[in-house]
Amino acid sequence: MRTITPQHQKPDSDIRLALLVQGGGVLVAAMLVYLVYGQASAATVVSGGLVALANTGLLAWRMRRAERRVDTDAQQDLRMLYRTGLERFALVVFFLALGMGVLKLDPPVMIAGFVLGQLAWLVGITIRPGRAH
């Protein structure tokens, strides 16, 4: 989990940018869905997007915790990697099941919101201000 990053590159600012792009992407998608399909579908898209944001938030929190751990070996890092993956999977399954099962939100629309949120996250992590392309 530990990486060597150049001093000019700040991981915290990278993850903040990714979260900002992700949140903005979900809001834009929700506004478009609102204009075409109405309020209920837009709220469902936002719910799916919030699941993606929670997933990213958990990842960011785990990354910060891993950076603070200085006396770890490769086996401990690998265990933390597996644990983080399982926690993120459980978080996504729980919130999607809550939305689709308990709250009776439209499953395809909620999944679409989640996928859009994840795609926005991918865009957000590839953006590096000040880097020549």
N, C-alpha and C. Protein backbone atom coordinates (compact mmCIF):
# COMPACT_ATOMS: atom_id res chain seq x y z
N MET A 1 0.81 -1.19 0.00
CA MET A 1 0.00 0.00 0.00
C MET A 1 0.86 1.26 0.00
N ARG A 2 2.06 1.15 0.53
CA ARG A 2 2.93 2.32 0.52
C ARG A 2 3.51 2.50 -0.86
N THR A 3 3.58 3.74 -1.28
CA THR A 3 4.18 4.04 -2.57
C THR A 3 5.14 5.19 -2.41
N ILE A 4 6.07 5.25 -3.32
CA ILE A 4 7.00 6.37 -3.33
C ILE A 4 6.46 7.39 -4.31
N THR A 5 6.10 8.56 -3.81
CA THR A 5 5.56 9.60 -4.67
C THR A 5 6.48 10.80 -4.63
N PRO A 6 6.63 11.46 -5.76
CA PRO A 6 7.44 12.67 -5.78
C PRO A 6 6.84 13.73 -4.85
N GLN A 7 7.69 14.61 -4.34
CA GLN A 7 7.24 15.63 -3.40
C GLN A 7 6.19 16.56 -3.99
N HIS A 8 6.26 16.85 -5.30
CA HIS A 8 5.31 17.77 -5.91
C HIS A 8 3.92 17.15 -6.09
N GLN A 9 3.81 15.83 -5.92
CA GLN A 9 2.54 15.15 -6.12
C GLN A 9 1.97 14.77 -4.76
N LYS A 10 0.81 15.31 -4.42
CA LYS A 10 0.20 15.07 -3.12
C LYS A 10 -0.97 14.10 -3.27
N PRO A 11 -0.89 12.91 -2.68
CA PRO A 11 -1.97 11.93 -2.80
C PRO A 11 -3.30 12.45 -2.25
N ASP A 12 -3.28 13.21 -1.16
CA ASP A 12 -4.52 13.74 -0.60
C ASP A 12 -5.23 14.67 -1.57
N SER A 13 -4.47 15.52 -2.26
CA SER A 13 -5.10 16.43 -3.20
C SER A 13 -5.60 15.66 -4.42
N ASP A 14 -4.93 14.57 -4.81
CA ASP A 14 -5.39 13.74 -5.92
C ASP A 14 -6.73 13.10 -5.58
N ILE A 15 -6.86 12.57 -4.38
CA ILE A 15 -8.11 11.90 -4.01
C ILE A 15 -9.23 12.92 -3.82
N ARG A 16 -8.89 14.11 -3.33
CA ARG A 16 -9.91 15.17 -3.22
C ARG A 16 -10.42 15.57 -4.59
N LEU A 17 -9.52 15.69 -5.55
CA LEU A 17 -9.92 16.03 -6.91
C LEU A 17 -10.80 14.92 -7.49
N ALA A 18 -10.43 13.67 -7.25
CA ALA A 18 -11.24 12.55 -7.74
C ALA A 18 -12.62 12.57 -7.12
N LEU A 19 -12.71 12.84 -5.82
CA LEU A 19 -14.01 12.93 -5.16
C LEU A 19 -14.84 14.09 -5.70
N LEU A 20 -14.19 15.20 -5.98
CA LEU A 20 -14.89 16.37 -6.53
C LEU A 20 -15.43 16.07 -7.93
N VAL A 21 -14.61 15.46 -8.77
CA VAL A 21 -15.04 15.10 -10.12
C VAL A 21 -16.16 14.06 -10.03
N GLN A 22 -16.01 13.11 -9.13
CA GLN A 22 -17.03 12.08 -8.97
C GLN A 22 -18.36 12.68 -8.52
N GLY A 23 -18.32 13.52 -7.51
CA GLY A 23 -19.55 14.17 -7.04
C GLY A 23 -20.18 15.05 -8.10
N GLY A 24 -19.35 15.80 -8.82
CA GLY A 24 -19.86 16.65 -9.89
C GLY A 24 -20.46 15.84 -11.02
N GLY A 25 -19.84 14.74 -11.36
CA GLY A 25 -20.36 13.87 -12.41
C GLY A 25 -21.71 13.28 -12.05
N VAL A 26 -21.84 12.88 -10.79
CA VAL A 26 -23.12 12.33 -10.32
C VAL A 26 -24.21 13.41 -10.36
N LEU A 27 -23.87 14.62 -9.93
CA LEU A 27 -24.86 15.70 -9.95
C LEU A 27 -25.28 16.07 -11.37
N VAL A 28 -24.34 16.13 -12.29
CA VAL A 28 -24.68 16.43 -13.68
C VAL A 28 -25.58 15.34 -14.25
N ALA A 29 -25.24 14.08 -13.99
CA ALA A 29 -26.06 12.97 -14.47
C ALA A 29 -27.47 13.04 -13.87
N ALA A 30 -27.54 13.37 -12.59
CA ALA A 30 -28.85 13.46 -11.93
C ALA A 30 -29.69 14.60 -12.53
N MET A 31 -29.05 15.71 -12.84
CA MET A 31 -29.79 16.82 -13.46
C MET A 31 -30.32 16.43 -14.84
N LEU A 32 -29.51 15.74 -15.62
CA LEU A 32 -29.96 15.29 -16.95
C LEU A 32 -31.10 14.29 -16.83
N VAL A 33 -30.98 13.36 -15.90
CA VAL A 33 -32.04 12.38 -15.69
C VAL A 33 -33.31 13.07 -15.21
N TYR A 34 -33.16 14.07 -14.36
CA TYR A 34 -34.32 14.83 -13.87
C TYR A 34 -35.07 15.49 -15.03
N LEU A 35 -34.32 16.08 -15.95
CA LEU A 35 -34.95 16.75 -17.09
C LEU A 35 -35.68 15.77 -18.00
N VAL A 36 -35.17 14.56 -18.14
CA VAL A 36 -35.75 13.60 -19.07
C VAL A 36 -36.78 12.69 -18.39
N TYR A 37 -36.46 12.17 -17.19
CA TYR A 37 -37.30 11.15 -16.57
C TYR A 37 -38.02 11.59 -15.30
N GLY A 38 -37.60 12.70 -14.71
CA GLY A 38 -38.30 13.18 -13.52
C GLY A 38 -37.53 13.00 -12.23
N GLN A 39 -38.18 13.45 -11.16
CA GLN A 39 -37.54 13.52 -9.85
C GLN A 39 -37.20 12.15 -9.26
N ALA A 40 -38.10 11.18 -9.37
CA ALA A 40 -37.85 9.87 -8.76
C ALA A 40 -36.62 9.20 -9.36
N SER A 41 -36.50 9.25 -10.67
CA SER A 41 -35.33 8.64 -11.32
C SER A 41 -34.05 9.39 -10.98
N ALA A 42 -34.13 10.71 -10.90
CA ALA A 42 -32.95 11.51 -10.54
C ALA A 42 -32.49 11.17 -9.13
N ALA A 43 -33.43 11.01 -8.20
CA ALA A 43 -33.08 10.66 -6.82
C ALA A 43 -32.44 9.28 -6.77
N THR A 44 -32.89 8.37 -7.61
CA THR A 44 -32.32 7.03 -7.66
C THR A 44 -30.90 7.06 -8.23
N VAL A 45 -30.68 7.89 -9.24
CA VAL A 45 -29.33 8.06 -9.79
C VAL A 45 -28.40 8.62 -8.71
N VAL A 46 -28.88 9.60 -7.97
CA VAL A 46 -28.07 10.18 -6.88
C VAL A 46 -27.76 9.11 -5.84
N SER A 47 -28.73 8.26 -5.52
CA SER A 47 -28.49 7.19 -4.54
C SER A 47 -27.39 6.25 -5.02
N GLY A 48 -27.42 5.86 -6.28
CA GLY A 48 -26.36 5.01 -6.82
C GLY A 48 -25.02 5.72 -6.82
N GLY A 49 -25.05 7.01 -7.15
CA GLY A 49 -23.81 7.80 -7.11
C GLY A 49 -23.25 7.94 -5.72
N LEU A 50 -24.13 8.04 -4.73
CA LEU A 50 -23.67 8.13 -3.34
C LEU A 50 -23.00 6.84 -2.89
N VAL A 51 -23.46 5.72 -3.41
CA VAL A 51 -22.80 4.44 -3.10
C VAL A 51 -21.37 4.48 -3.65
N ALA A 52 -21.21 4.98 -4.87
CA ALA A 52 -19.87 5.10 -5.45
C ALA A 52 -19.01 6.06 -4.64
N LEU A 53 -19.59 7.17 -4.18
CA LEU A 53 -18.84 8.12 -3.36
C LEU A 53 -18.44 7.52 -2.02
N ALA A 54 -19.32 6.73 -1.42
CA ALA A 54 -18.99 6.06 -0.16
C ALA A 54 -17.85 5.07 -0.37
N ASN A 55 -17.88 4.38 -1.49
CA ASN A 55 -16.82 3.44 -1.85
C ASN A 55 -15.48 4.17 -1.97
N THR A 56 -15.49 5.31 -2.63
CA THR A 56 -14.27 6.10 -2.78
C THR A 56 -13.82 6.66 -1.43
N GLY A 57 -14.77 7.09 -0.62
CA GLY A 57 -14.44 7.61 0.71
C GLY A 57 -13.75 6.56 1.57
N LEU A 58 -14.25 5.33 1.53
CA LEU A 58 -13.62 4.25 2.29
C LEU A 58 -12.21 3.99 1.78
N LEU A 59 -12.05 4.00 0.46
CA LEU A 59 -10.72 3.80 -0.11
C LEU A 59 -9.77 4.91 0.33
N ALA A 60 -10.23 6.16 0.29
CA ALA A 60 -9.38 7.29 0.69
C ALA A 60 -8.99 7.18 2.16
N TRP A 61 -9.94 6.80 3.00
CA TRP A 61 -9.66 6.65 4.43
C TRP A 61 -8.62 5.55 4.67
N ARG A 62 -8.78 4.43 3.97
CA ARG A 62 -7.81 3.34 4.12
C ARG A 62 -6.42 3.74 3.59
N MET A 63 -6.39 4.51 2.51
CA MET A 63 -5.09 4.96 1.98
C MET A 63 -4.38 5.85 2.99
N ARG A 64 -5.13 6.76 3.62
CA ARG A 64 -4.51 7.62 4.63
C ARG A 64 -4.00 6.83 5.81
N ARG A 65 -4.77 5.84 6.25
CA ARG A 65 -4.32 5.00 7.36
C ARG A 65 -3.08 4.20 6.99
N ALA A 66 -3.02 3.71 5.76
CA ALA A 66 -1.86 2.92 5.32
C ALA A 66 -0.61 3.78 5.25
N GLU A 67 -0.76 5.05 4.87
CA GLU A 67 0.39 5.94 4.79
C GLU A 67 0.98 6.23 6.17
N ARG A 68 0.16 6.20 7.19
CA ARG A 68 0.64 6.47 8.56
C ARG A 68 1.35 5.28 9.18
N ARG A 69 1.12 4.09 8.65
CA ARG A 69 1.76 2.89 9.17
C ARG A 69 3.17 2.80 8.62
N VAL A 70 4.14 2.89 9.48
CA VAL A 70 5.52 2.90 9.00
C VAL A 70 6.23 1.56 9.18
N ASP A 71 5.85 0.82 10.18
CA ASP A 71 6.55 -0.44 10.48
C ASP A 71 5.75 -1.64 9.98
N THR A 72 5.51 -1.69 8.67
CA THR A 72 4.78 -2.82 8.11
C THR A 72 5.65 -3.53 7.09
N ASP A 73 5.40 -4.83 6.97
CA ASP A 73 6.11 -5.59 5.96
C ASP A 73 5.15 -5.88 4.80
N ALA A 74 5.64 -6.57 3.81
CA ALA A 74 4.84 -6.83 2.60
C ALA A 74 3.61 -7.68 2.92
N GLN A 75 3.75 -8.62 3.85
CA GLN A 75 2.62 -9.48 4.20
C GLN A 75 1.50 -8.67 4.87
N GLN A 76 1.86 -7.75 5.76
CA GLN A 76 0.85 -6.90 6.40
C GLN A 76 0.19 -5.98 5.38
N ASP A 77 0.97 -5.46 4.45
CA ASP A 77 0.41 -4.61 3.40
C ASP A 77 -0.57 -5.39 2.53
N LEU A 78 -0.22 -6.62 2.20
CA LEU A 78 -1.10 -7.45 1.40
C LEU A 78 -2.40 -7.77 2.14
N ARG A 79 -2.29 -8.06 3.44
CA ARG A 79 -3.49 -8.29 4.25
C ARG A 79 -4.40 -7.06 4.26
N MET A 80 -3.79 -5.88 4.39
CA MET A 80 -4.56 -4.64 4.40
C MET A 80 -5.23 -4.43 3.03
N LEU A 81 -4.54 -4.76 1.96
CA LEU A 81 -5.10 -4.64 0.62
C LEU A 81 -6.33 -5.54 0.46
N TYR A 82 -6.22 -6.80 0.88
CA TYR A 82 -7.35 -7.72 0.81
C TYR A 82 -8.51 -7.25 1.69
N ARG A 83 -8.19 -6.82 2.89
CA ARG A 83 -9.23 -6.36 3.81
C ARG A 83 -9.97 -5.15 3.22
N THR A 84 -9.23 -4.22 2.66
CA THR A 84 -9.84 -3.03 2.06
C THR A 84 -10.75 -3.43 0.90
N GLY A 85 -10.31 -4.35 0.08
CA GLY A 85 -11.13 -4.82 -1.03
C GLY A 85 -12.42 -5.46 -0.55
N LEU A 86 -12.34 -6.30 0.48
CA LEU A 86 -13.53 -6.94 1.04
C LEU A 86 -14.47 -5.92 1.68
N GLU A 87 -13.91 -4.95 2.39
CA GLU A 87 -14.74 -3.92 3.01
C GLU A 87 -15.47 -3.09 1.96
N ARG A 88 -14.78 -2.73 0.90
CA ARG A 88 -15.41 -1.94 -0.16
C ARG A 88 -16.51 -2.74 -0.84
N PHE A 89 -16.25 -4.02 -1.09
CA PHE A 89 -17.27 -4.88 -1.70
C PHE A 89 -18.49 -4.98 -0.79
N ALA A 90 -18.28 -5.22 0.49
CA ALA A 90 -19.39 -5.34 1.44
C ALA A 90 -20.17 -4.03 1.53
N LEU A 91 -19.48 -2.91 1.53
CA LEU A 91 -20.14 -1.60 1.60
C LEU A 91 -21.05 -1.39 0.39
N VAL A 92 -20.53 -1.68 -0.80
CA VAL A 92 -21.31 -1.51 -2.03
C VAL A 92 -22.52 -2.45 -2.03
N VAL A 93 -22.32 -3.71 -1.69
CA VAL A 93 -23.43 -4.67 -1.67
C VAL A 93 -24.48 -4.23 -0.65
N PHE A 94 -24.06 -3.79 0.53
CA PHE A 94 -25.00 -3.37 1.56
C PHE A 94 -25.85 -2.20 1.10
N PHE A 95 -25.20 -1.16 0.58
CA PHE A 95 -25.96 0.04 0.20
C PHE A 95 -26.82 -0.19 -1.05
N LEU A 96 -26.33 -0.97 -2.00
CA LEU A 96 -27.17 -1.28 -3.15
C LEU A 96 -28.37 -2.14 -2.74
N ALA A 97 -28.15 -3.09 -1.86
CA ALA A 97 -29.26 -3.92 -1.36
C ALA A 97 -30.25 -3.06 -0.56
N LEU A 98 -29.74 -2.14 0.22
CA LEU A 98 -30.61 -1.24 0.98
C LEU A 98 -31.47 -0.40 0.03
N GLY A 99 -30.85 0.16 -0.99
CA GLY A 99 -31.58 0.99 -1.94
C GLY A 99 -32.60 0.22 -2.75
N MET A 100 -32.18 -0.93 -3.27
CA MET A 100 -33.07 -1.69 -4.14
C MET A 100 -34.07 -2.54 -3.36
N GLY A 101 -33.64 -3.06 -2.22
CA GLY A 101 -34.51 -3.95 -1.45
C GLY A 101 -35.43 -3.22 -0.49
N VAL A 102 -34.85 -2.48 0.42
CA VAL A 102 -35.63 -1.81 1.47
C VAL A 102 -36.33 -0.57 0.94
N LEU A 103 -35.60 0.27 0.21
CA LEU A 103 -36.18 1.53 -0.28
C LEU A 103 -36.93 1.37 -1.60
N LYS A 104 -36.84 0.19 -2.21
CA LYS A 104 -37.55 -0.13 -3.45
C LYS A 104 -37.23 0.83 -4.60
N LEU A 105 -35.96 1.22 -4.70
CA LEU A 105 -35.52 2.08 -5.81
C LEU A 105 -35.37 1.22 -7.06
N ASP A 106 -35.54 1.84 -8.21
CA ASP A 106 -35.46 1.15 -9.49
C ASP A 106 -34.04 0.59 -9.70
N PRO A 107 -33.87 -0.74 -9.72
CA PRO A 107 -32.52 -1.32 -9.80
C PRO A 107 -31.69 -0.87 -10.99
N PRO A 108 -32.19 -0.88 -12.24
CA PRO A 108 -31.33 -0.45 -13.34
C PRO A 108 -30.87 1.00 -13.22
N VAL A 109 -31.74 1.85 -12.72
CA VAL A 109 -31.39 3.27 -12.58
C VAL A 109 -30.36 3.45 -11.47
N MET A 110 -30.52 2.71 -10.37
CA MET A 110 -29.55 2.81 -9.27
C MET A 110 -28.18 2.28 -9.70
N ILE A 111 -28.18 1.15 -10.41
CA ILE A 111 -26.91 0.61 -10.91
C ILE A 111 -26.27 1.59 -11.89
N ALA A 112 -27.09 2.22 -12.74
CA ALA A 112 -26.56 3.21 -13.68
C ALA A 112 -25.92 4.37 -12.92
N GLY A 113 -26.54 4.84 -11.85
CA GLY A 113 -25.96 5.90 -11.03
C GLY A 113 -24.64 5.48 -10.41
N PHE A 114 -24.59 4.23 -9.94
CA PHE A 114 -23.35 3.70 -9.36
C PHE A 114 -22.25 3.62 -10.43
N VAL A 115 -22.59 3.10 -11.59
CA VAL A 115 -21.61 2.97 -12.67
C VAL A 115 -21.12 4.34 -13.12
N LEU A 116 -22.03 5.30 -13.25
CA LEU A 116 -21.62 6.66 -13.61
C LEU A 116 -20.69 7.25 -12.55
N GLY A 117 -21.00 6.99 -11.30
CA GLY A 117 -20.12 7.45 -10.22
C GLY A 117 -18.74 6.84 -10.30
N GLN A 118 -18.68 5.54 -10.60
CA GLN A 118 -17.40 4.87 -10.73
C GLN A 118 -16.63 5.39 -11.95
N LEU A 119 -17.32 5.62 -13.05
CA LEU A 119 -16.65 6.18 -14.23
C LEU A 119 -16.12 7.58 -13.95
N ALA A 120 -16.90 8.37 -13.24
CA ALA A 120 -16.44 9.71 -12.87
C ALA A 120 -15.21 9.62 -11.98
N TRP A 121 -15.16 8.62 -11.10
CA TRP A 121 -13.99 8.41 -10.25
C TRP A 121 -12.77 8.08 -11.12
N LEU A 122 -12.95 7.22 -12.12
CA LEU A 122 -11.83 6.89 -13.01
C LEU A 122 -11.31 8.13 -13.73
N VAL A 123 -12.23 8.98 -14.18
CA VAL A 123 -11.82 10.24 -14.81
C VAL A 123 -11.08 11.10 -13.79
N GLY A 124 -11.61 11.17 -12.58
CA GLY A 124 -11.01 12.01 -11.54
C GLY A 124 -9.61 11.59 -11.14
N ILE A 125 -9.34 10.29 -11.12
CA ILE A 125 -7.99 9.85 -10.72
C ILE A 125 -6.98 9.99 -11.85
N THR A 126 -7.46 10.14 -13.09
CA THR A 126 -6.52 10.31 -14.20
C THR A 126 -6.17 11.77 -14.45
N ILE A 127 -6.92 12.68 -13.86
CA ILE A 127 -6.64 14.11 -14.02
C ILE A 127 -5.50 14.50 -13.09
N ARG A 128 -4.49 15.11 -13.63
CA ARG A 128 -3.36 15.60 -12.83
C ARG A 128 -3.08 17.03 -13.23
N PRO A 129 -3.55 18.01 -12.44
CA PRO A 129 -3.29 19.40 -12.79
C PRO A 129 -1.79 19.70 -12.87
N GLY A 130 -1.40 20.44 -13.87
CA GLY A 130 -0.02 20.84 -14.01
C GLY A 130 0.87 19.83 -14.68
N ARG A 131 0.32 18.67 -15.03
CA ARG A 131 1.11 17.64 -15.67
C ARG A 131 0.95 17.77 -17.18
N ALA A 132 2.05 17.74 -17.89
CA ALA A 132 2.00 17.81 -19.35
C ALA A 132 1.49 16.50 -19.91
N HIS A 133 0.63 16.58 -20.92
CA HIS A 133 0.06 15.38 -21.52
C HIS A 133 0.69 15.10 -22.84
